[in-house]
């Protein structure tokens, strides 16, 4: 499968949880407006929207200068818009230029994750970029220094894109927590993986690898032997029960690695199959449970310690059936 050379743009609304809490259903209008601004800038500068989930978006561009121009225009438009007087909307952005494989509409590769990590380090209204993007685009930028990005071995030189009308002063880059309990994540959605990775990082865990397919998951577990593997039941290439089968193989080959299966819908038969013959270090939760950050992080820790954790909607009897 040939690689594509692209510039990746990740965006994220700052303090979105607080905005949802305070605005309720009115937040939907803010989300739609911010997405429209971003999409317009991406398309006008020759880019393509890959994915938009919750308050996060992912776009790609054939040339780095297009990506920089789109990010700058989007930030200017976001700042110029009249939002709710009591609720300022700020979006953090991250850029990186590199290679990725495209498989069934999904972009796969370490450079995709590098771009997402760069975006995570920023603040609302800020555009961060790697040295590769800045050099290739000839962009006006301020060097912020070298930083360790969570889950990536090499330190990254990070720059702040500067342009007329954009703010220039921000707090220190947000630091990810390194070390602690190690986790491998598997889901075919980059944004889902990055959202879960952020929750785990903020709770002192380290995501040592991410996978978009069941085969990648098994390779990463073999390489890192993490404390826990968090796995979506439905994984490429078949989008059937590949995640479940990979989870069972992990438990057979790496008994010290706990497994947490995530599912969009409650499927008791899969929970029962995972639990059958395995008396520790396994779990099954609906994906919605990730939103309860503390409980989700606690579930991951409990599984790493050999406990069984099953979704509250599953009775013990239905799991055992």
C-alpha atoms as a PDB file:
ATOM      1  CA  UNK A   1       0.000   0.000   0.000  1.00  0.00           C
ATOM      2  CA  UNK A   2       1.688   3.281  -1.110  1.00  0.00           C
ATOM      3  CA  UNK A   3       2.305   6.021   1.428  1.00  0.00           C
ATOM      4  CA  UNK A   4       0.983   9.540   0.922  1.00  0.00           C
ATOM      5  CA  UNK A   5       2.952  12.640   1.827  1.00  0.00           C
ATOM      6  CA  UNK A   6       0.511  15.016   3.536  1.00  0.00           C
ATOM      7  CA  UNK A   7       0.199  17.748   6.115  1.00  0.00           C
ATOM      8  CA  UNK A   8      -2.143  16.838   8.952  1.00  0.00           C
ATOM      9  CA  UNK A   9      -4.250  19.348  10.884  1.00  0.00           C
ATOM     10  CA  UNK A  10      -5.918  18.446  14.178  1.00  0.00           C
ATOM     11  CA  UNK A  11      -8.203  20.870  16.037  1.00  0.00           C
ATOM     12  CA  UNK A  12      -9.977  20.777  19.380  1.00  0.00           C
ATOM     13  CA  UNK A  13     -12.289  23.239  21.169  1.00  0.00           C
ATOM     14  CA  UNK A  14     -10.741  24.311  24.460  1.00  0.00           C
ATOM     15  CA  UNK A  15     -12.828  23.721  27.628  1.00  0.00           C
ATOM     16  CA  UNK A  16     -15.592  22.062  25.623  1.00  0.00           C
ATOM     17  CA  UNK A  17     -16.844  20.095  28.637  1.00  0.00           C
ATOM     18  CA  UNK A  18     -17.372  23.318  30.573  1.00  0.00           C
ATOM     19  CA  UNK A  19     -19.145  24.889  27.594  1.00  0.00           C
ATOM     20  CA  UNK A  20     -21.496  21.930  27.256  1.00  0.00           C
ATOM     21  CA  UNK A  21     -22.239  22.022  30.982  1.00  0.00           C
ATOM     22  CA  UNK A  22     -23.000  25.733  30.978  1.00  0.00           C
ATOM     23  CA  UNK A  23     -24.769  26.011  27.614  1.00  0.00           C
ATOM     24  CA  UNK A  24     -26.643  22.723  27.408  1.00  0.00           C
ATOM     25  CA  UNK A  25     -28.293  22.212  24.022  1.00  0.00           C
ATOM     26  CA  UNK A  26     -27.158  25.693  22.931  1.00  0.00           C
ATOM     27  CA  UNK A  27     -23.665  24.228  22.608  1.00  0.00           C
ATOM     28  CA  UNK A  28     -24.834  22.502  19.432  1.00  0.00           C
ATOM     29  CA  UNK A  29     -25.050  25.859  17.643  1.00  0.00           C
ATOM     30  CA  UNK A  30     -21.513  26.756  18.726  1.00  0.00           C
ATOM     31  CA  UNK A  31     -20.174  23.392  17.610  1.00  0.00           C
ATOM     32  CA  UNK A  32     -21.887  23.639  14.221  1.00  0.00           C
ATOM     33  CA  UNK A  33     -20.635  27.186  13.664  1.00  0.00           C
ATOM     34  CA  UNK A  34     -17.026  26.342  14.574  1.00  0.00           C
ATOM     35  CA  UNK A  35     -17.078  23.277  12.327  1.00  0.00           C
ATOM     36  CA  UNK A  36     -18.462  25.337   9.427  1.00  0.00           C
ATOM     37  CA  UNK A  37     -15.677  27.901   9.830  1.00  0.00           C
ATOM     38  CA  UNK A  38     -13.014  25.209   9.897  1.00  0.00           C
ATOM     39  CA  UNK A  39     -14.478  23.269   6.967  1.00  0.00           C
ATOM     40  CA  UNK A  40     -14.692  26.432   4.837  1.00  0.00           C
ATOM     41  CA  UNK A  41     -11.041  27.280   5.490  1.00  0.00           C
ATOM     42  CA  UNK A  42      -9.906  23.715   4.806  1.00  0.00           C
ATOM     43  CA  UNK A  43     -11.764  23.417   1.500  1.00  0.00           C
ATOM     44  CA  UNK A  44     -10.798  26.910   0.268  1.00  0.00           C
ATOM     45  CA  UNK A  45      -7.129  26.037   0.772  1.00  0.00           C
ATOM     46  CA  UNK A  46      -7.230  22.713  -1.035  1.00  0.00           C
ATOM     47  CA  UNK A  47      -7.613  20.459   1.980  1.00  0.00           C
ATOM     48  CA  UNK A  48      -9.941  17.603   2.866  1.00  0.00           C
ATOM     49  CA  UNK A  49     -11.872  16.969   6.057  1.00  0.00           C
ATOM     50  CA  UNK A  50     -11.177  13.414   7.202  1.00  0.00           C
ATOM     51  CA  UNK A  51     -13.175  13.231  10.401  1.00  0.00           C
ATOM     52  CA  UNK A  52     -15.135  15.385  12.835  1.00  0.00           C
ATOM     53  CA  UNK A  53     -16.150  13.922  16.181  1.00  0.00           C
ATOM     54  CA  UNK A  54     -17.474  15.803  19.211  1.00  0.00           C
ATOM     55  CA  UNK A  55     -15.307  18.945  19.526  1.00  0.00           C
ATOM     56  CA  UNK A  56     -12.375  17.577  17.493  1.00  0.00           C
ATOM     57  CA  UNK A  57     -11.627  17.659  13.756  1.00  0.00           C
ATOM     58  CA  UNK A  58      -8.994  16.122  11.503  1.00  0.00           C
ATOM     59  CA  UNK A  59      -8.065  17.442   8.036  1.00  0.00           C
ATOM     60  CA  UNK A  60      -5.294  16.802   5.514  1.00  0.00           C
ATOM     61  CA  UNK A  61      -3.599  18.895   2.819  1.00  0.00           C
ATOM     62  CA  UNK A  62      -1.354  17.978  -0.112  1.00  0.00           C
ATOM     63  CA  UNK A  63       1.006  20.902   0.652  1.00  0.00           C
ATOM     64  CA  UNK A  64       2.122  22.322   4.027  1.00  0.00           C
ATOM     65  CA  UNK A  65       1.660  25.963   3.011  1.00  0.00           C
ATOM     66  CA  UNK A  66      -2.010  25.210   2.301  1.00  0.00           C
ATOM     67  CA  UNK A  67      -2.429  23.761   5.770  1.00  0.00           C
ATOM     68  CA  UNK A  68      -0.767  26.717   7.471  1.00  0.00           C
ATOM     69  CA  UNK A  69      -2.890  29.187   5.501  1.00  0.00           C
ATOM     70  CA  UNK A  70      -6.093  27.285   6.356  1.00  0.00           C
ATOM     71  CA  UNK A  71      -5.249  27.183  10.056  1.00  0.00           C
ATOM     72  CA  UNK A  72      -4.464  30.906  10.149  1.00  0.00           C
ATOM     73  CA  UNK A  73      -7.647  31.832   8.291  1.00  0.00           C
ATOM     74  CA  UNK A  74      -9.738  29.581  10.531  1.00  0.00           C
ATOM     75  CA  UNK A  75      -8.296  31.140  13.691  1.00  0.00           C
ATOM     76  CA  UNK A  76      -8.951  34.646  12.383  1.00  0.00           C
ATOM     77  CA  UNK A  77     -12.544  33.733  11.494  1.00  0.00           C
ATOM     78  CA  UNK A  78     -13.140  32.061  14.843  1.00  0.00           C
ATOM     79  CA  UNK A  79     -11.863  35.138  16.687  1.00  0.00           C
ATOM     80  CA  UNK A  80     -13.902  37.515  14.518  1.00  0.00           C
ATOM     81  CA  UNK A  81     -17.180  35.712  15.095  1.00  0.00           C
ATOM     82  CA  UNK A  82     -19.527  37.088  17.749  1.00  0.00           C
ATOM     83  CA  UNK A  83     -20.032  34.207  20.150  1.00  0.00           C
ATOM     84  CA  UNK A  84     -22.160  34.113  23.287  1.00  0.00           C
ATOM     85  CA  UNK A  85     -21.034  37.163  25.306  1.00  0.00           C
ATOM     86  CA  UNK A  86     -20.296  35.028  28.388  1.00  0.00           C
ATOM     87  CA  UNK A  87     -18.741  32.052  26.607  1.00  0.00           C
ATOM     88  CA  UNK A  88     -15.642  32.591  24.507  1.00  0.00           C
ATOM     89  CA  UNK A  89     -14.901  29.840  22.007  1.00  0.00           C
ATOM     90  CA  UNK A  90     -11.232  29.070  21.430  1.00  0.00           C
ATOM     91  CA  UNK A  91      -9.775  26.280  19.309  1.00  0.00           C
ATOM     92  CA  UNK A  92      -6.319  24.727  19.616  1.00  0.00           C
ATOM     93  CA  UNK A  93      -4.651  23.547  16.397  1.00  0.00           C
ATOM     94  CA  UNK A  94      -1.679  21.347  15.556  1.00  0.00           C
ATOM     95  CA  UNK A  95       0.142  20.752  12.251  1.00  0.00           C
ATOM     96  CA  UNK A  96       2.651  18.137  11.142  1.00  0.00           C
ATOM     97  CA  UNK A  97       3.896  17.061   7.715  1.00  0.00           C
ATOM     98  CA  UNK A  98       4.716  13.423   7.071  1.00  0.00           C
ATOM     99  CA  UNK A  99       3.551  10.129   5.645  1.00  0.00           C
ATOM    100  CA  UNK A 100       0.469   7.968   6.084  1.00  0.00           C
ATOM    101  CA  UNK A 101      -1.267   5.007   4.497  1.00  0.00           C
ATOM    102  CA  UNK A 102      -4.931   5.252   3.580  1.00  0.00           C
ATOM    103  CA  UNK A 103      -6.992   2.140   4.256  1.00  0.00           C
ATOM    104  CA  UNK A 104     -10.782   2.181   3.752  1.00  0.00           C
ATOM    105  CA  UNK A 105     -10.868   5.937   4.292  1.00  0.00           C
ATOM    106  CA  UNK A 106      -8.687   5.801   7.423  1.00  0.00           C
ATOM    107  CA  UNK A 107      -5.235   7.382   7.537  1.00  0.00           C
ATOM    108  CA  UNK A 108      -2.699   5.236   9.361  1.00  0.00           C
ATOM    109  CA  UNK A 109       0.807   6.140  10.438  1.00  0.00           C
ATOM    110  CA  UNK A 110       2.954   7.500  13.227  1.00  0.00           C
ATOM    111  CA  UNK A 111       2.973  10.981  11.684  1.00  0.00           C
ATOM    112  CA  UNK A 112      -0.812  11.183  12.105  1.00  0.00           C
ATOM    113  CA  UNK A 113      -0.414  10.602  15.831  1.00  0.00           C
ATOM    114  CA  UNK A 114       2.454  13.064  15.996  1.00  0.00           C
ATOM    115  CA  UNK A 115       0.180  15.783  14.588  1.00  0.00           C
ATOM    116  CA  UNK A 116      -2.517  14.957  17.121  1.00  0.00           C
ATOM    117  CA  UNK A 117      -0.035  15.065  20.008  1.00  0.00           C
ATOM    118  CA  UNK A 118       1.215  18.483  18.837  1.00  0.00           C
ATOM    119  CA  UNK A 119      -2.359  19.798  18.823  1.00  0.00           C
ATOM    120  CA  UNK A 120      -2.962  18.403  22.323  1.00  0.00           C
ATOM    121  CA  UNK A 121      -0.030  20.410  23.656  1.00  0.00           C
ATOM    122  CA  UNK A 122      -1.504  23.764  22.647  1.00  0.00           C
ATOM    123  CA  UNK A 123      -4.049  26.222  23.986  1.00  0.00           C
ATOM    124  CA  UNK A 124      -7.195  27.726  22.512  1.00  0.00           C
ATOM    125  CA  UNK A 125      -6.364  30.232  19.779  1.00  0.00           C
ATOM    126  CA  UNK A 126      -2.872  28.797  19.290  1.00  0.00           C
ATOM    127  CA  UNK A 127      -1.473  27.079  16.183  1.00  0.00           C
ATOM    128  CA  UNK A 128       1.417  24.712  16.875  1.00  0.00           C
ATOM    129  CA  UNK A 129       3.508  23.065  14.174  1.00  0.00           C
ATOM    130  CA  UNK A 130       6.433  20.699  13.802  1.00  0.00           C
ATOM    131  CA  UNK A 131       9.765  21.791  12.352  1.00  0.00           C
ATOM    132  CA  UNK A 132       8.964  19.738   9.240  1.00  0.00           C
ATOM    133  CA  UNK A 133       5.830  21.769   8.528  1.00  0.00           C
ATOM    134  CA  UNK A 134       7.400  25.138   9.320  1.00  0.00           C
ATOM    135  CA  UNK A 135      10.466  24.470   7.159  1.00  0.00           C
ATOM    136  CA  UNK A 136       8.478  23.034   4.246  1.00  0.00           C
ATOM    137  CA  UNK A 137       5.908  25.840   4.252  1.00  0.00           C
ATOM    138  CA  UNK A 138       8.384  28.647   4.927  1.00  0.00           C
ATOM    139  CA  UNK A 139       5.960  29.784   7.605  1.00  0.00           C
ATOM    140  CA  UNK A 140       6.503  32.655  10.011  1.00  0.00           C
ATOM    141  CA  UNK A 141       6.856  30.944  13.360  1.00  0.00           C
ATOM    142  CA  UNK A 142       8.429  31.198  16.800  1.00  0.00           C
ATOM    143  CA  UNK A 143      10.443  28.265  18.100  1.00  0.00           C
ATOM    144  CA  UNK A 144       9.137  27.098  21.478  1.00  0.00           C
ATOM    145  CA  UNK A 145      11.715  24.367  22.067  1.00  0.00           C
ATOM    146  CA  UNK A 146      11.949  20.577  22.123  1.00  0.00           C
ATOM    147  CA  UNK A 147       9.301  18.593  23.932  1.00  0.00           C
ATOM    148  CA  UNK A 148       8.533  14.977  24.746  1.00  0.00           C
ATOM    149  CA  UNK A 149       5.150  14.067  23.332  1.00  0.00           C
ATOM    150  CA  UNK A 150       3.231  11.345  25.113  1.00  0.00           C
ATOM    151  CA  UNK A 151       3.748   7.908  23.556  1.00  0.00           C
ATOM    152  CA  UNK A 152       6.459   9.048  21.101  1.00  0.00           C
ATOM    153  CA  UNK A 153      10.088   8.128  21.667  1.00  0.00           C
ATOM    154  CA  UNK A 154      11.775  11.056  19.884  1.00  0.00           C
ATOM    155  CA  UNK A 155      11.535  14.583  21.232  1.00  0.00           C
ATOM    156  CA  UNK A 156       9.722  17.036  18.959  1.00  0.00           C
ATOM    157  CA  UNK A 157      10.813  20.564  18.079  1.00  0.00           C
ATOM    158  CA  UNK A 158       7.628  22.628  18.263  1.00  0.00           C
ATOM    159  CA  UNK A 159       6.904  26.037  16.758  1.00  0.00           C
ATOM    160  CA  UNK A 160       4.054  28.524  17.172  1.00  0.00           C
ATOM    161  CA  UNK A 161       2.684  29.843  13.882  1.00  0.00           C
ATOM    162  CA  UNK A 162       2.491  33.637  13.957  1.00  0.00           C
ATOM    163  CA  UNK A 163       0.389  35.845  11.681  1.00  0.00           C
ATOM    164  CA  UNK A 164      -1.150  39.294  11.753  1.00  0.00           C
ATOM    165  CA  UNK A 165      -4.224  39.465  13.953  1.00  0.00           C
ATOM    166  CA  UNK A 166      -3.480  36.301  15.921  1.00  0.00           C
ATOM    167  CA  UNK A 167      -2.543  36.339  19.629  1.00  0.00           C
ATOM    168  CA  UNK A 168       1.093  35.639  20.366  1.00  0.00           C
ATOM    169  CA  UNK A 169       1.238  35.057  24.121  1.00  0.00           C
ATOM    170  CA  UNK A 170       0.072  31.782  25.630  1.00  0.00           C
ATOM    171  CA  UNK A 171       0.825  29.763  28.781  1.00  0.00           C
ATOM    172  CA  UNK A 172       3.489  27.064  28.684  1.00  0.00           C
ATOM    173  CA  UNK A 173       2.599  24.096  26.511  1.00  0.00           C
ATOM    174  CA  UNK A 174       0.362  21.598  28.191  1.00  0.00           C
ATOM    175  CA  UNK A 175       2.470  18.666  29.396  1.00  0.00           C
ATOM    176  CA  UNK A 176       1.328  15.062  29.094  1.00  0.00           C
ATOM    177  CA  UNK A 177       1.956  12.788  32.049  1.00  0.00           C
ATOM    178  CA  UNK A 178       4.569  10.179  31.184  1.00  0.00           C
ATOM    179  CA  UNK A 179       5.229   6.847  32.798  1.00  0.00           C
ATOM    180  CA  UNK A 180       2.959   4.780  34.989  1.00  0.00           C
ATOM    181  CA  UNK A 181       0.580   2.094  33.779  1.00  0.00           C
ATOM    182  CA  UNK A 182       1.161   1.239  30.098  1.00  0.00           C
ATOM    183  CA  UNK A 183      -1.711   0.873  27.637  1.00  0.00           C
ATOM    184  CA  UNK A 184      -2.138  -0.085  23.971  1.00  0.00           C
ATOM    185  CA  UNK A 185      -5.251   1.347  22.266  1.00  0.00           C
ATOM    186  CA  UNK A 186      -7.068  -0.153  19.287  1.00  0.00           C
ATOM    187  CA  UNK A 187      -9.895   1.587  17.410  1.00  0.00           C
ATOM    188  CA  UNK A 188     -10.319   2.381  13.712  1.00  0.00           C
ATOM    189  CA  UNK A 189     -11.086   6.044  14.533  1.00  0.00           C
ATOM    190  CA  UNK A 190      -8.075   8.276  15.171  1.00  0.00           C
ATOM    191  CA  UNK A 191     -10.202  10.753  17.109  1.00  0.00           C
ATOM    192  CA  UNK A 192     -11.672   8.070  19.388  1.00  0.00           C
ATOM    193  CA  UNK A 193      -8.176   6.782  20.142  1.00  0.00           C
ATOM    194  CA  UNK A 194      -6.813  10.246  20.809  1.00  0.00           C
ATOM    195  CA  UNK A 195      -9.742  11.088  23.083  1.00  0.00           C
ATOM    196  CA  UNK A 196      -9.199   7.945  25.158  1.00  0.00           C
ATOM    197  CA  UNK A 197      -5.439   8.522  25.158  1.00  0.00           C
ATOM    198  CA  UNK A 198      -5.975  11.997  26.605  1.00  0.00           C
ATOM    199  CA  UNK A 199      -8.179  10.638  29.400  1.00  0.00           C
ATOM    200  CA  UNK A 200      -5.582   8.017  30.300  1.00  0.00           C
ATOM    201  CA  UNK A 201      -2.678  10.461  30.095  1.00  0.00           C
ATOM    202  CA  UNK A 202      -4.424  12.914  32.413  1.00  0.00           C
ATOM    203  CA  UNK A 203      -4.831  10.043  34.880  1.00  0.00           C
ATOM    204  CA  UNK A 204      -1.131   9.159  34.969  1.00  0.00           C
ATOM    205  CA  UNK A 205      -1.114   6.347  32.389  1.00  0.00           C
ATOM    206  CA  UNK A 206       1.034   6.050  29.284  1.00  0.00           C
ATOM    207  CA  UNK A 207      -0.352   5.012  25.908  1.00  0.00           C
ATOM    208  CA  UNK A 208       2.668   3.259  24.425  1.00  0.00           C
ATOM    209  CA  UNK A 209       1.048   2.452  21.055  1.00  0.00           C
ATOM    210  CA  UNK A 210      -2.163   2.868  19.058  1.00  0.00           C
ATOM    211  CA  UNK A 211      -3.620   0.578  16.408  1.00  0.00           C
ATOM    212  CA  UNK A 212      -6.243   0.936  13.703  1.00  0.00           C
ATOM    213  CA  UNK A 213      -6.580  -2.773  12.915  1.00  0.00           C
ATOM    214  CA  UNK A 214      -6.594  -6.040  14.844  1.00  0.00           C
ATOM    215  CA  UNK A 215      -3.298  -7.118  13.254  1.00  0.00           C
ATOM    216  CA  UNK A 216      -1.603  -3.860  14.292  1.00  0.00           C
ATOM    217  CA  UNK A 217      -2.958  -4.351  17.800  1.00  0.00           C
ATOM    218  CA  UNK A 218      -1.400  -7.802  18.117  1.00  0.00           C
ATOM    219  CA  UNK A 219       1.939  -6.508  16.799  1.00  0.00           C
ATOM    220  CA  UNK A 220       1.959  -3.625  19.312  1.00  0.00           C
ATOM    221  CA  UNK A 221       1.050  -5.878  22.232  1.00  0.00           C
ATOM    222  CA  UNK A 222       3.818  -8.294  21.270  1.00  0.00           C
ATOM    223  CA  UNK A 223       6.308  -5.418  21.138  1.00  0.00           C
ATOM    224  CA  UNK A 224       5.312  -3.570  24.323  1.00  0.00           C
ATOM    225  CA  UNK A 225       3.496  -6.176  26.472  1.00  0.00           C
ATOM    226  CA  UNK A 226       1.412  -3.428  28.105  1.00  0.00           C
ATOM    227  CA  UNK A 227      -0.476  -3.680  31.364  1.00  0.00           C
ATOM    228  CA  UNK A 228      -3.796  -3.269  29.510  1.00  0.00           C
ATOM    229  CA  UNK A 229      -5.000  -3.406  25.916  1.00  0.00           C
ATOM    230  CA  UNK A 230      -8.158  -1.365  25.226  1.00  0.00           C
ATOM    231  CA  UNK A 231      -9.885  -2.777  22.175  1.00  0.00           C
ATOM    232  CA  UNK A 232     -12.915  -1.875  20.054  1.00  0.00           C
ATOM    233  CA  UNK A 233     -14.923  -5.021  19.348  1.00  0.00           C
ATOM    234  CA  UNK A 234     -15.505  -4.161  15.693  1.00  0.00           C
ATOM    235  CA  UNK A 235     -12.186  -3.654  13.928  1.00  0.00           C
ATOM    236  CA  UNK A 236     -10.949  -3.656  10.315  1.00  0.00           C
ATOM    237  CA  UNK A 237     -10.567  -5.397   8.004  1.00  0.00           C
ATOM    238  CA  UNK A 238     -13.927  -7.111   8.460  1.00  0.00           C
ATOM    239  CA  UNK A 239     -15.576  -4.796  11.011  1.00  0.00           C
ATOM    240  CA  UNK A 240     -17.030  -7.899  12.651  1.00  0.00           C
ATOM    241  CA  UNK A 241     -15.737  -9.390  15.885  1.00  0.00           C
ATOM    242  CA  UNK A 242     -12.034  -9.007  14.998  1.00  0.00           C
ATOM    243  CA  UNK A 243     -11.459  -7.018  18.179  1.00  0.00           C
ATOM    244  CA  UNK A 244     -12.922  -9.763  20.344  1.00  0.00           C
ATOM    245  CA  UNK A 245     -10.840 -12.440  18.632  1.00  0.00           C
ATOM    246  CA  UNK A 246      -7.700 -10.323  19.029  1.00  0.00           C
ATOM    247  CA  UNK A 247      -8.533  -9.777  22.715  1.00  0.00           C
ATOM    248  CA  UNK A 248      -8.839 -13.525  23.296  1.00  0.00           C
ATOM    249  CA  UNK A 249      -5.531 -14.120  21.528  1.00  0.00           C
ATOM    250  CA  UNK A 250      -3.872 -11.486  23.702  1.00  0.00           C
ATOM    251  CA  UNK A 251      -5.121 -13.228  26.848  1.00  0.00           C
ATOM    252  CA  UNK A 252      -3.776 -16.547  25.579  1.00  0.00           C
ATOM    253  CA  UNK A 253      -0.370 -15.298  24.439  1.00  0.00           C
ATOM    254  CA  UNK A 254       0.186 -12.526  27.000  1.00  0.00           C
ATOM    255  CA  UNK A 255      -1.635 -13.491  30.208  1.00  0.00           C
ATOM    256  CA  UNK A 256      -0.110 -10.567  32.114  1.00  0.00           C
ATOM    257  CA  UNK A 257      -1.823  -8.075  29.787  1.00  0.00           C
ATOM    258  CA  UNK A 258      -5.364  -7.215  30.803  1.00  0.00           C
ATOM    259  CA  UNK A 259      -7.990  -6.574  28.117  1.00  0.00           C
ATOM    260  CA  UNK A 260     -10.814  -4.048  28.099  1.00  0.00           C
ATOM    261  CA  UNK A 261     -13.314  -4.399  25.246  1.00  0.00           C
ATOM    262  CA  UNK A 262     -15.295  -1.332  24.192  1.00  0.00           C
ATOM    263  CA  UNK A 263     -18.571  -1.555  22.303  1.00  0.00           C
ATOM    264  CA  UNK A 264     -20.908   0.979  20.739  1.00  0.00           C
ATOM    265  CA  UNK A 265     -23.910  -1.179  21.633  1.00  0.00           C
ATOM    266  CA  UNK A 266     -24.498  -3.673  24.414  1.00  0.00           C
ATOM    267  CA  UNK A 267     -23.775  -7.193  23.146  1.00  0.00           C
ATOM    268  CA  UNK A 268     -23.928  -9.649  26.084  1.00  0.00           C
ATOM    269  CA  UNK A 269     -22.819 -12.604  23.963  1.00  0.00           C
ATOM    270  CA  UNK A 270     -19.438 -10.948  23.373  1.00  0.00           C
ATOM    271  CA  UNK A 271     -19.043 -10.143  27.061  1.00  0.00           C
ATOM    272  CA  UNK A 272     -19.824 -13.751  27.928  1.00  0.00           C
ATOM    273  CA  UNK A 273     -17.341 -15.037  25.355  1.00  0.00           C
ATOM    274  CA  UNK A 274     -14.585 -12.810  26.729  1.00  0.00           C
ATOM    275  CA  UNK A 275     -15.296 -13.869  30.301  1.00  0.00           C
ATOM    276  CA  UNK A 276     -15.571 -17.580  29.553  1.00  0.00           C
ATOM    277  CA  UNK A 277     -12.582 -19.392  31.013  1.00  0.00           C
ATOM    278  CA  UNK A 278     -10.867 -16.175  32.085  1.00  0.00           C
ATOM    279  CA  UNK A 279     -11.095 -15.344  35.760  1.00  0.00           C
ATOM    280  CA  UNK A 280      -9.181 -12.075  35.827  1.00  0.00           C
ATOM    281  CA  UNK A 281      -7.866  -9.035  34.011  1.00  0.00           C
ATOM    282  CA  UNK A 282     -10.734  -8.593  31.544  1.00  0.00           C
ATOM    283  CA  UNK A 283     -13.524  -6.061  31.076  1.00  0.00           C
ATOM    284  CA  UNK A 284     -16.341  -4.982  28.786  1.00  0.00           C
ATOM    285  CA  UNK A 285     -17.785  -1.446  28.717  1.00  0.00           C
ATOM    286  CA  UNK A 286     -19.939   0.656  26.467  1.00  0.00           C
ATOM    287  CA  UNK A 287     -17.962   3.424  24.760  1.00  0.00           C
ATOM    288  CA  UNK A 288     -20.203   5.982  26.437  1.00  0.00           C
ATOM    289  CA  UNK A 289     -18.543   5.102  29.764  1.00  0.00           C
ATOM    290  CA  UNK A 290     -15.367   6.895  28.643  1.00  0.00           C
ATOM    291  CA  UNK A 291     -17.183  10.183  29.336  1.00  0.00           C
ATOM    292  CA  UNK A 292     -17.082   9.426  33.084  1.00  0.00           C
ATOM    293  CA  UNK A 293     -13.354  10.054  33.236  1.00  0.00           C
ATOM    294  CA  UNK A 294     -12.635   8.943  36.793  1.00  0.00           C
ATOM    295  CA  UNK A 295     -14.665   5.735  36.594  1.00  0.00           C
ATOM    296  CA  UNK A 296     -13.176   4.826  33.230  1.00  0.00           C
ATOM    297  CA  UNK A 297      -9.609   5.342  34.461  1.00  0.00           C
ATOM    298  CA  UNK A 298     -10.456   3.319  37.577  1.00  0.00           C
ATOM    299  CA  UNK A 299     -11.782   0.479  35.418  1.00  0.00           C
ATOM    300  CA  UNK A 300      -8.519   0.364  33.448  1.00  0.00           C
ATOM    301  CA  UNK A 301      -6.483   0.231  36.666  1.00  0.00           C
ATOM    302  CA  UNK A 302      -8.675  -2.509  38.147  1.00  0.00           C
ATOM    303  CA  UNK A 303      -8.257  -4.632  35.024  1.00  0.00           C
ATOM    304  CA  UNK A 304      -4.475  -4.137  35.194  1.00  0.00           C
ATOM    305  CA  UNK A 305      -4.641  -5.510  38.725  1.00  0.00           C
ATOM    306  CA  UNK A 306      -6.430  -8.673  37.607  1.00  0.00           C
ATOM    307  CA  UNK A 307     -10.061  -7.730  38.276  1.00  0.00           C
ATOM    308  CA  UNK A 308     -13.045  -8.249  36.020  1.00  0.00           C
ATOM    309  CA  UNK A 309     -14.971  -5.096  35.092  1.00  0.00           C
ATOM    310  CA  UNK A 310     -18.243  -5.371  33.190  1.00  0.00           C
ATOM    311  CA  UNK A 311     -20.714  -2.699  32.162  1.00  0.00           C
ATOM    312  CA  UNK A 312     -23.361  -1.983  34.825  1.00  0.00           C
ATOM    313  CA  UNK A 313     -26.081  -2.782  32.288  1.00  0.00           C
ATOM    314  CA  UNK A 314     -24.847  -6.363  32.207  1.00  0.00           C
ATOM    315  CA  UNK A 315     -25.926  -8.485  35.140  1.00  0.00           C
ATOM    316  CA  UNK A 316     -23.547 -11.179  36.289  1.00  0.00           C
ATOM    317  CA  UNK A 317     -26.076 -13.754  35.180  1.00  0.00           C
ATOM    318  CA  UNK A 318     -26.317 -12.370  31.621  1.00  0.00           C
ATOM    319  CA  UNK A 319     -22.519 -12.273  31.278  1.00  0.00           C
ATOM    320  CA  UNK A 320     -22.173 -15.821  32.540  1.00  0.00           C
ATOM    321  CA  UNK A 321     -25.011 -17.135  30.357  1.00  0.00           C
END
